[in-house]
N, C-alpha and C. Protein backbone atom coordinates (compact mmCIF):
# COMPACT_ATOMS: atom_id res chain seq x y z
N MET A 1 1.80 -8.44 -5.60
CA MET A 1 1.21 -8.61 -4.20
C MET A 1 1.67 -6.96 -3.61
N LYS A 2 1.07 -6.27 -2.72
CA LYS A 2 1.14 -5.14 -2.26
C LYS A 2 2.19 -5.26 -0.86
N THR A 3 2.84 -4.32 -0.82
CA THR A 3 3.86 -4.30 0.42
C THR A 3 3.05 -4.79 1.34
N GLN A 4 1.97 -4.02 1.72
CA GLN A 4 0.98 -4.18 3.29
C GLN A 4 0.63 -5.72 3.08
N GLU A 5 0.18 -6.42 1.95
CA GLU A 5 -0.33 -7.70 1.62
C GLU A 5 0.96 -8.71 2.11
N PHE A 6 1.97 -8.28 1.88
CA PHE A 6 2.91 -8.98 2.16
C PHE A 6 3.52 -9.32 3.61
N PHE A 7 3.69 -7.99 4.23
CA PHE A 7 3.64 -8.02 5.54
C PHE A 7 2.65 -8.62 6.48
N ASN A 8 1.17 -8.39 6.08
CA ASN A 8 0.31 -9.07 6.81
C ASN A 8 0.52 -10.50 6.70
N LEU A 9 0.91 -11.05 5.38
CA LEU A 9 1.03 -12.47 5.33
C LEU A 9 2.43 -12.99 6.42
N LEU A 10 3.55 -12.03 6.56
CA LEU A 10 4.46 -12.57 7.36
C LEU A 10 3.93 -12.59 8.86
N GLU A 11 2.97 -11.51 9.19
CA GLU A 11 2.54 -11.42 10.50
C GLU A 11 1.60 -12.89 10.85
N GLU A 12 1.03 -13.18 9.80
CA GLU A 12 0.19 -14.22 10.03
C GLU A 12 1.01 -15.72 10.21
N ASN A 13 2.12 -15.50 9.72
CA ASN A 13 2.83 -16.95 9.83
C ASN A 13 4.02 -16.99 10.30
N LYS A 14 4.23 -15.87 11.43
CA LYS A 14 5.66 -15.73 12.26
C LYS A 14 6.35 -17.39 12.74
N ASP A 15 5.55 -18.17 12.97
CA ASP A 15 5.89 -19.41 13.30
C ASP A 15 6.54 -20.38 12.26
N LYS A 16 6.55 -19.78 11.11
CA LYS A 16 7.31 -20.72 9.77
C LYS A 16 8.52 -20.31 9.37
N SER A 17 9.24 -21.03 8.53
CA SER A 17 10.06 -20.82 7.79
C SER A 17 9.81 -20.25 6.37
N LEU A 18 10.82 -19.28 6.03
CA LEU A 18 10.35 -18.35 4.55
C LEU A 18 11.05 -18.70 3.71
N LEU A 19 10.64 -19.36 2.72
CA LEU A 19 11.12 -19.86 1.57
C LEU A 19 10.70 -19.38 0.44
N PHE A 20 11.66 -19.21 -0.62
CA PHE A 20 11.24 -18.23 -1.93
C PHE A 20 11.21 -19.38 -3.27
N GLU A 21 10.43 -19.47 -4.07
CA GLU A 21 10.66 -20.41 -5.15
C GLU A 21 10.45 -19.25 -6.46
N TYR A 22 11.84 -19.17 -6.76
CA TYR A 22 12.03 -18.23 -7.96
C TYR A 22 11.54 -18.68 -9.36
N LYS A 23 11.75 -20.10 -9.78
CA LYS A 23 11.03 -20.65 -10.43
C LYS A 23 10.21 -21.75 -10.38
N PRO A 24 9.48 -22.47 -11.15
CA PRO A 24 8.85 -23.69 -10.82
C PRO A 24 9.88 -24.78 -10.07
N ASN A 25 9.53 -25.01 -9.00
CA ASN A 25 10.43 -26.37 -8.20
C ASN A 25 11.87 -25.96 -8.01
N GLU A 26 12.04 -24.71 -8.13
CA GLU A 26 13.60 -24.16 -7.90
C GLU A 26 13.30 -23.10 -6.68
N LEU A 27 13.91 -23.45 -5.30
CA LEU A 27 13.97 -22.72 -4.20
C LEU A 27 15.42 -21.79 -4.12
N VAL A 28 15.09 -20.60 -3.79
CA VAL A 28 16.36 -19.65 -3.14
C VAL A 28 17.11 -20.41 -2.08
N GLY A 29 18.39 -20.85 -2.04
CA GLY A 29 19.10 -21.63 -1.23
C GLY A 29 18.94 -21.07 0.18
N ALA A 30 18.80 -21.89 1.22
CA ALA A 30 18.55 -21.83 2.69
C ALA A 30 19.73 -20.99 3.38
N ASN A 31 20.90 -20.72 2.45
CA ASN A 31 21.88 -19.62 2.92
C ASN A 31 21.64 -18.28 2.53
N TYR A 32 20.46 -18.02 2.16
CA TYR A 32 20.53 -16.70 1.81
C TYR A 32 20.24 -15.28 2.89
N HIS A 33 20.16 -14.39 2.47
CA HIS A 33 20.03 -13.18 3.34
C HIS A 33 19.27 -11.93 2.52
N ILE A 34 18.69 -11.23 3.43
CA ILE A 34 18.20 -10.24 3.09
C ILE A 34 19.13 -8.83 3.15
N THR A 35 19.61 -8.61 1.94
CA THR A 35 20.78 -7.69 2.00
C THR A 35 20.31 -6.32 1.49
N GLU A 36 19.37 -6.02 1.00
CA GLU A 36 18.79 -4.78 0.63
C GLU A 36 17.32 -4.46 0.45
N VAL A 37 16.69 -3.33 0.81
CA VAL A 37 15.54 -3.02 0.70
C VAL A 37 15.56 -1.72 -0.14
N LYS A 38 15.04 -1.74 -1.01
CA LYS A 38 14.98 -0.75 -2.22
C LYS A 38 13.29 -0.01 -2.00
N HIS A 39 13.31 1.20 -1.79
CA HIS A 39 12.26 2.17 -2.09
C HIS A 39 12.21 2.81 -3.28
N ILE A 40 11.63 2.35 -4.23
CA ILE A 40 11.93 2.93 -5.65
C ILE A 40 10.66 3.63 -6.02
N ALA A 41 10.88 4.91 -6.58
CA ALA A 41 9.97 5.93 -7.27
C ALA A 41 10.21 5.80 -8.87
N VAL A 42 9.18 5.32 -9.41
CA VAL A 42 9.41 5.05 -11.03
C VAL A 42 8.87 6.35 -11.61
N ASP A 43 9.22 6.97 -12.29
CA ASP A 43 8.79 8.23 -13.21
C ASP A 43 8.87 7.90 -14.52
N SER A 44 7.90 7.38 -15.55
CA SER A 44 8.24 7.14 -16.76
C SER A 44 7.35 7.76 -17.89
N ILE A 45 7.73 7.59 -19.24
CA ILE A 45 7.10 7.96 -20.35
C ILE A 45 7.10 6.69 -21.38
N ASP A 46 5.99 6.21 -21.84
CA ASP A 46 5.44 5.13 -22.56
C ASP A 46 5.98 5.75 -24.04
N CYS A 47 5.86 4.72 -24.87
CA CYS A 47 6.14 5.06 -26.32
C CYS A 47 4.95 5.65 -26.76
N GLY A 48 3.88 5.70 -26.28
CA GLY A 48 2.93 6.70 -26.84
C GLY A 48 3.17 8.30 -26.26
N ALA A 49 4.02 8.43 -25.64
CA ALA A 49 4.46 9.75 -25.08
C ALA A 49 3.54 9.97 -23.88
N GLN A 50 3.20 9.28 -23.04
CA GLN A 50 2.37 9.10 -21.76
C GLN A 50 3.01 9.06 -20.67
N SER A 51 2.98 10.03 -19.53
CA SER A 51 3.78 9.85 -18.43
C SER A 51 2.89 8.90 -17.35
N ASP A 52 3.71 8.23 -16.33
CA ASP A 52 3.29 7.36 -15.70
C ASP A 52 4.04 7.63 -14.58
N SER A 53 3.50 7.19 -13.15
CA SER A 53 4.39 6.93 -11.97
C SER A 53 3.96 6.14 -11.01
N TRP A 54 4.48 5.45 -10.06
CA TRP A 54 4.65 4.54 -9.22
C TRP A 54 5.72 4.06 -8.23
N ASN A 55 5.10 3.59 -7.40
CA ASN A 55 6.30 3.17 -6.36
C ASN A 55 6.56 1.71 -6.18
N GLU A 56 7.61 1.21 -6.02
CA GLU A 56 7.96 -0.32 -5.68
C GLU A 56 8.92 -0.39 -4.45
N THR A 57 8.60 -1.59 -3.77
CA THR A 57 9.39 -1.94 -2.84
C THR A 57 10.17 -3.07 -3.38
N ILE A 58 11.58 -2.99 -3.56
CA ILE A 58 12.24 -4.24 -3.85
C ILE A 58 13.35 -4.74 -2.48
N ILE A 59 12.95 -6.20 -2.56
CA ILE A 59 13.87 -6.62 -1.38
C ILE A 59 14.94 -7.59 -2.06
N GLN A 60 15.90 -7.33 -2.01
CA GLN A 60 17.29 -8.22 -2.54
C GLN A 60 17.34 -9.46 -1.62
N LEU A 61 17.59 -10.50 -2.39
CA LEU A 61 17.86 -11.93 -1.70
C LEU A 61 19.38 -12.11 -2.44
N TRP A 62 20.24 -12.67 -1.35
CA TRP A 62 21.45 -13.00 -1.77
C TRP A 62 22.02 -14.26 -0.94
N GLU A 63 22.46 -15.14 -1.55
CA GLU A 63 22.97 -16.56 -1.14
C GLU A 63 24.46 -16.50 -0.63
N SER A 64 24.68 -16.58 0.60
CA SER A 64 26.15 -16.46 1.00
C SER A 64 26.83 -17.59 0.65
N PRO A 65 27.96 -17.45 -0.11
CA PRO A 65 28.76 -18.38 -0.52
C PRO A 65 29.46 -19.42 0.86
N LEU A 66 29.74 -18.53 1.91
CA LEU A 66 30.25 -18.96 2.92
C LEU A 66 29.26 -19.99 3.92
N GLU A 67 27.88 -19.66 3.58
CA GLU A 67 26.93 -21.09 4.13
C GLU A 67 26.17 -21.79 3.13
N LYS A 68 27.12 -22.27 1.93
CA LYS A 68 26.50 -23.16 0.95
C LYS A 68 25.67 -24.19 1.65
N GLY A 69 26.29 -24.95 2.65
CA GLY A 69 25.69 -26.08 3.14
C GLY A 69 24.59 -26.18 3.98
N LYS A 70 24.09 -24.74 4.28
CA LYS A 70 23.02 -24.54 5.08
C LYS A 70 21.73 -25.01 4.97
N THR A 71 21.11 -25.79 5.86
CA THR A 71 19.58 -26.40 5.55
C THR A 71 18.51 -25.62 6.29
N ASP A 72 18.91 -24.80 7.35
CA ASP A 72 17.62 -24.37 7.86
C ASP A 72 17.33 -23.04 7.43
N TYR A 73 16.44 -22.56 6.75
CA TYR A 73 15.77 -21.43 6.20
C TYR A 73 15.52 -20.49 7.37
N MET A 74 15.63 -18.96 7.00
CA MET A 74 15.48 -17.88 7.71
C MET A 74 13.78 -18.11 8.07
N SER A 75 13.65 -17.76 9.45
CA SER A 75 12.19 -17.81 10.08
C SER A 75 11.53 -16.65 9.46
N VAL A 76 10.09 -16.61 9.36
CA VAL A 76 9.47 -15.63 8.94
C VAL A 76 9.36 -14.40 9.96
N TYR A 77 9.51 -15.00 11.28
CA TYR A 77 9.86 -13.93 12.28
C TYR A 77 11.03 -13.07 12.25
N LYS A 78 12.29 -13.81 11.79
CA LYS A 78 13.85 -12.93 11.54
C LYS A 78 13.23 -11.98 10.57
N ALA A 79 12.72 -12.52 9.16
CA ALA A 79 12.60 -11.68 7.86
C ALA A 79 11.68 -10.44 8.34
N SER A 80 10.74 -10.68 8.98
CA SER A 80 9.61 -9.44 9.49
C SER A 80 10.56 -8.71 10.41
N SER A 81 11.39 -8.93 11.37
CA SER A 81 11.93 -8.37 12.00
C SER A 81 12.86 -7.38 11.33
N ILE A 82 13.50 -7.84 10.24
CA ILE A 82 14.63 -7.10 9.57
C ILE A 82 13.84 -5.95 8.63
N LEU A 83 12.69 -6.58 8.14
CA LEU A 83 11.88 -5.54 7.39
C LEU A 83 11.40 -4.31 8.24
N LYS A 84 11.08 -4.63 9.42
CA LYS A 84 10.34 -3.74 10.26
C LYS A 84 11.73 -2.85 10.78
N LYS A 85 12.66 -3.18 10.91
CA LYS A 85 13.80 -2.14 11.17
C LYS A 85 14.32 -1.26 10.02
N VAL A 86 13.89 -1.90 9.01
CA VAL A 86 14.05 -1.01 7.57
C VAL A 86 13.03 0.02 7.66
N GLY A 87 12.04 -0.40 7.89
CA GLY A 87 10.76 0.77 7.99
C GLY A 87 10.97 1.83 8.94
N LYS A 88 11.70 1.25 10.07
CA LYS A 88 11.78 2.89 11.26
C LYS A 88 12.88 3.68 10.62
N ILE A 89 13.60 3.09 9.47
CA ILE A 89 14.83 4.01 9.05
C ILE A 89 14.09 4.78 7.76
N LYS A 90 13.28 3.89 6.94
CA LYS A 90 12.90 4.65 5.76
C LYS A 90 11.35 4.04 5.54
N THR A 91 10.52 4.99 5.60
CA THR A 91 9.23 4.28 5.59
C THR A 91 8.56 3.79 4.24
N TYR A 92 7.72 2.91 4.40
CA TYR A 92 7.38 2.07 3.52
C TYR A 92 6.22 2.81 2.48
N ASP A 93 5.91 2.78 1.47
CA ASP A 93 4.89 2.99 0.59
C ASP A 93 4.03 1.58 0.68
N LEU A 94 3.31 1.61 1.79
CA LEU A 94 2.45 -0.06 1.86
C LEU A 94 1.62 -0.39 0.71
N ALA A 95 1.27 0.97 -0.28
CA ALA A 95 0.14 0.51 -1.19
C ALA A 95 1.07 -0.13 -2.62
N SER A 96 2.59 0.12 -2.53
CA SER A 96 3.32 -0.26 -3.54
C SER A 96 3.38 -1.90 -3.66
N GLU A 97 3.79 -2.04 -5.02
CA GLU A 97 4.22 -3.37 -5.35
C GLU A 97 5.40 -4.02 -4.49
N VAL A 98 5.46 -5.11 -4.06
CA VAL A 98 6.62 -5.68 -3.46
C VAL A 98 7.23 -6.75 -4.43
N LYS A 99 8.55 -6.53 -4.85
CA LYS A 99 9.25 -7.54 -5.86
C LYS A 99 10.51 -8.05 -5.11
N PHE A 100 10.93 -8.73 -5.54
CA PHE A 100 12.12 -9.41 -5.15
C PHE A 100 13.42 -9.84 -5.98
N GLU A 101 14.61 -9.13 -5.78
CA GLU A 101 15.63 -8.95 -6.61
C GLU A 101 16.61 -10.33 -6.31
N TYR A 102 16.53 -11.06 -7.25
CA TYR A 102 17.64 -12.04 -6.89
C TYR A 102 18.14 -12.89 -8.28
N SER A 103 19.41 -13.41 -7.82
CA SER A 103 20.18 -14.26 -8.96
C SER A 103 20.94 -15.26 -8.17
N ASN A 104 21.42 -16.21 -9.10
CA ASN A 104 22.56 -17.11 -8.56
C ASN A 104 23.12 -17.81 -9.99
N SER A 105 24.01 -18.69 -9.83
CA SER A 105 24.75 -19.07 -11.02
C SER A 105 24.22 -19.68 -12.36
N ASN A 106 22.68 -20.06 -11.78
CA ASN A 106 21.96 -20.52 -13.29
C ASN A 106 20.85 -19.44 -13.27
N PHE A 107 20.81 -18.36 -12.68
CA PHE A 107 19.52 -17.74 -12.92
C PHE A 107 19.94 -16.26 -13.00
N HIS A 108 19.74 -15.65 -14.02
CA HIS A 108 20.03 -14.06 -14.18
C HIS A 108 19.55 -13.36 -13.00
N THR A 109 20.10 -11.95 -13.10
CA THR A 109 19.54 -11.02 -11.82
C THR A 109 18.31 -10.77 -12.49
N ALA A 110 17.26 -10.89 -11.69
CA ALA A 110 15.92 -10.38 -12.15
C ALA A 110 15.05 -9.61 -10.87
N GLN A 111 14.30 -8.79 -11.18
CA GLN A 111 13.46 -8.50 -10.02
C GLN A 111 11.85 -9.29 -10.47
N LEU A 112 11.78 -10.08 -9.71
CA LEU A 112 10.36 -11.11 -9.62
C LEU A 112 9.33 -10.58 -8.70
N PHE A 113 8.15 -10.91 -9.30
CA PHE A 113 7.06 -10.36 -8.43
C PHE A 113 6.34 -11.74 -7.81
N VAL A 114 5.80 -11.17 -6.89
CA VAL A 114 4.86 -12.45 -6.15
C VAL A 114 3.73 -12.72 -6.65
N SER A 115 3.62 -14.10 -7.25
CA SER A 115 2.53 -14.45 -8.27
C SER A 115 1.75 -15.32 -7.43
N ASP A 116 2.15 -16.02 -6.11
CA ASP A 116 1.33 -16.64 -5.28
C ASP A 116 2.00 -17.21 -3.88
N PHE A 117 1.38 -17.80 -3.17
CA PHE A 117 2.25 -18.18 -1.88
C PHE A 117 1.52 -19.63 -1.40
N GLU A 118 2.43 -20.48 -0.58
CA GLU A 118 1.98 -21.72 -0.27
C GLU A 118 2.51 -22.02 1.19
N LEU A 119 1.53 -22.69 2.14
CA LEU A 119 1.96 -23.09 3.31
C LEU A 119 2.03 -24.63 2.92
N TYR A 120 3.12 -25.02 3.50
CA TYR A 120 3.35 -26.62 3.41
C TYR A 120 4.46 -26.90 4.36
N GLU A 121 3.92 -28.09 5.27
CA GLU A 121 4.94 -28.39 6.02
C GLU A 121 5.79 -27.48 7.00
N GLY A 122 4.97 -26.49 7.51
CA GLY A 122 5.69 -25.68 8.47
C GLY A 122 6.54 -24.27 7.64
N ASN A 123 6.18 -24.34 6.32
CA ASN A 123 7.06 -23.33 5.70
C ASN A 123 5.96 -22.18 5.03
N LEU A 124 6.13 -21.13 4.71
CA LEU A 124 5.74 -20.40 3.88
C LEU A 124 6.31 -19.90 2.88
N ILE A 125 5.95 -20.65 1.88
CA ILE A 125 6.81 -20.63 0.24
C ILE A 125 6.15 -19.63 -0.55
N ILE A 126 6.98 -18.48 -0.86
CA ILE A 126 6.62 -17.39 -1.56
C ILE A 126 7.18 -17.54 -2.97
N LYS A 127 5.92 -17.83 -3.88
CA LYS A 127 6.45 -17.90 -5.27
C LYS A 127 6.41 -17.10 -5.96
N LEU A 128 7.53 -16.90 -6.70
CA LEU A 128 8.12 -15.58 -7.56
C LEU A 128 7.71 -16.01 -9.15
N ALA A 129 7.71 -14.94 -9.68
CA ALA A 129 7.61 -15.15 -11.36
C ALA A 129 8.15 -13.81 -11.92
N ILE A 130 8.61 -14.13 -13.46
CA ILE A 130 9.05 -13.10 -13.97
C ILE A 130 8.11 -12.27 -14.64
N GLU A 131 8.16 -10.73 -14.30
CA GLU A 131 6.83 -9.92 -15.11
C GLU A 131 7.62 -9.85 -16.43
N LYS A 132 6.59 -10.02 -17.27
CA LYS A 132 6.83 -9.94 -18.67
C LYS A 132 6.60 -8.56 -19.05
N THR A 133 7.48 -7.61 -20.15
CA THR A 133 7.54 -6.53 -20.62
C THR A 133 6.16 -6.54 -21.52
N ASP A 134 5.80 -5.01 -21.57
CA ASP A 134 4.43 -4.74 -22.28
C ASP A 134 4.28 -3.54 -22.77
N CYS A 135 3.61 -3.20 -23.97
CA CYS A 135 3.39 -1.94 -24.40
C CYS A 135 2.30 -1.09 -23.87
N LYS A 136 2.25 -0.32 -23.07
CA LYS A 136 1.10 0.21 -22.42
C LYS A 136 0.55 1.28 -23.38
N ALA A 137 0.86 1.46 -24.57
CA ALA A 137 0.14 2.31 -25.47
C ALA A 137 -0.16 1.78 -26.75
N LYS A 138 -0.66 0.41 -26.41
CA LYS A 138 -1.01 -0.36 -27.79
C LYS A 138 -2.34 0.31 -28.50
N GLU A 139 -3.02 0.99 -27.81
CA GLU A 139 -4.26 1.05 -28.63
C GLU A 139 -3.81 2.76 -29.28
N LEU A 140 -3.21 3.37 -28.35
CA LEU A 140 -2.71 4.82 -29.19
C LEU A 140 -1.82 4.40 -30.08
N CYS A 141 -0.98 3.40 -30.08
CA CYS A 141 0.25 3.36 -31.29
C CYS A 141 -0.42 2.23 -32.36
N GLY A 142 -1.37 1.87 -32.12
CA GLY A 142 -2.04 1.05 -33.03
C GLY A 142 -1.28 -0.55 -32.99
N VAL A 143 -0.90 -1.11 -31.95
CA VAL A 143 -0.21 -2.40 -31.88
C VAL A 143 -0.97 -3.39 -31.61
N PRO A 144 -1.16 -4.49 -32.52
CA PRO A 144 -2.37 -5.49 -32.38
C PRO A 144 -1.90 -6.41 -31.18
N GLU A 145 -3.01 -6.89 -30.56
CA GLU A 145 -2.80 -7.80 -29.43
C GLU A 145 -2.13 -9.14 -29.76
N LYS A 146 -2.52 -9.65 -31.08
CA LYS A 146 -2.42 -10.88 -31.68
C LYS A 146 -0.89 -10.85 -32.08
N ALA A 147 -0.05 -12.04 -31.73
CA ALA A 147 1.25 -11.88 -32.01
C ALA A 147 1.56 -11.86 -33.83
N THR A 148 0.67 -12.57 -34.19
CA THR A 148 0.61 -12.78 -35.73
C THR A 148 0.33 -11.46 -36.47
N GLU A 149 -0.42 -10.59 -35.86
CA GLU A 149 -0.68 -9.31 -36.44
C GLU A 149 0.76 -8.22 -35.99
N VAL A 150 1.19 -8.57 -35.14
CA VAL A 150 2.51 -7.74 -34.66
C VAL A 150 3.43 -7.39 -35.94
N ALA A 151 4.00 -8.47 -36.42
CA ALA A 151 4.92 -8.19 -37.61
C ALA A 151 4.39 -7.84 -38.48
N GLU A 152 3.11 -7.91 -38.92
CA GLU A 152 2.45 -6.99 -40.21
C GLU A 152 2.80 -5.53 -39.95
N LYS A 153 2.15 -5.10 -38.56
CA LYS A 153 2.15 -3.80 -38.30
C LYS A 153 2.91 -3.12 -37.61
N LEU A 154 4.14 -3.69 -37.49
CA LEU A 154 5.39 -2.79 -36.86
C LEU A 154 5.82 -1.93 -37.45
N GLU A 155 5.92 -1.85 -38.70
CA GLU A 155 6.66 -0.81 -39.50
C GLU A 155 5.45 0.40 -39.25
N SER A 156 4.31 0.15 -39.60
CA SER A 156 3.49 1.22 -39.21
C SER A 156 3.14 1.89 -37.86
N CYS A 157 3.48 1.01 -37.01
CA CYS A 157 3.40 1.47 -35.39
C CYS A 157 4.75 2.45 -35.25
N CYS A 158 5.68 1.84 -35.95
CA CYS A 158 6.97 2.78 -35.38
C CYS A 158 7.36 3.82 -36.18
N SER A 159 6.70 4.25 -37.24
CA SER A 159 7.08 5.24 -38.44
C SER A 159 7.07 6.68 -37.68
N PRO A 160 7.50 7.49 -37.95
CA PRO A 160 7.55 8.96 -37.79
C PRO A 160 6.12 9.49 -37.53
N SER A 161 5.32 9.07 -38.41
CA SER A 161 4.04 9.60 -38.43
C SER A 161 2.74 8.82 -37.71
N SER A 162 3.37 7.87 -36.78
CA SER A 162 2.57 7.09 -35.88
C SER A 162 2.10 7.87 -34.60
N GLY A 163 2.60 8.49 -34.27
CA GLY A 163 2.04 9.17 -33.25
C GLY A 163 3.10 8.86 -31.82
N CYS A 164 3.86 7.70 -32.11
CA CYS A 164 4.56 7.23 -31.04
C CYS A 164 6.04 8.17 -31.21
N CYS A 165 6.75 7.80 -29.87
CA CYS A 165 7.99 8.49 -29.80
C CYS A 165 8.76 8.00 -30.81
């Protein structure tokens, strides 16, 4: 989901509570805070020596141990106000992907992308998912798509003469 799409979703649902599902049927606790917003510029080189660049908006969620028993979730209105305040200090790239950084004692720190959302009983539930890593230079490096072929061709792909880094 792009940053602008996320902001539009918040704008359309100001009267709801904002919940985050970090894995199926597991919600970020009601004691969460938005603790940081990162405006990230990524400048990369893939294994095929091709360069790429893009921007990301990363919103960090943190559960306060002092509010462990809290049952009321942050309102969409409050979250939107926080994010608007950030935007006045540092301008967003509204076309960038929005991700959420989160962890708890049972879930490793991860940057999660928005896979979907749901409106349910006065709540806006943002469904998050882990983004799998991938090789962007498969064709250039001769990496097969099928997992069974990967093991067979791994050596030829990674050899010094393959054209990959």
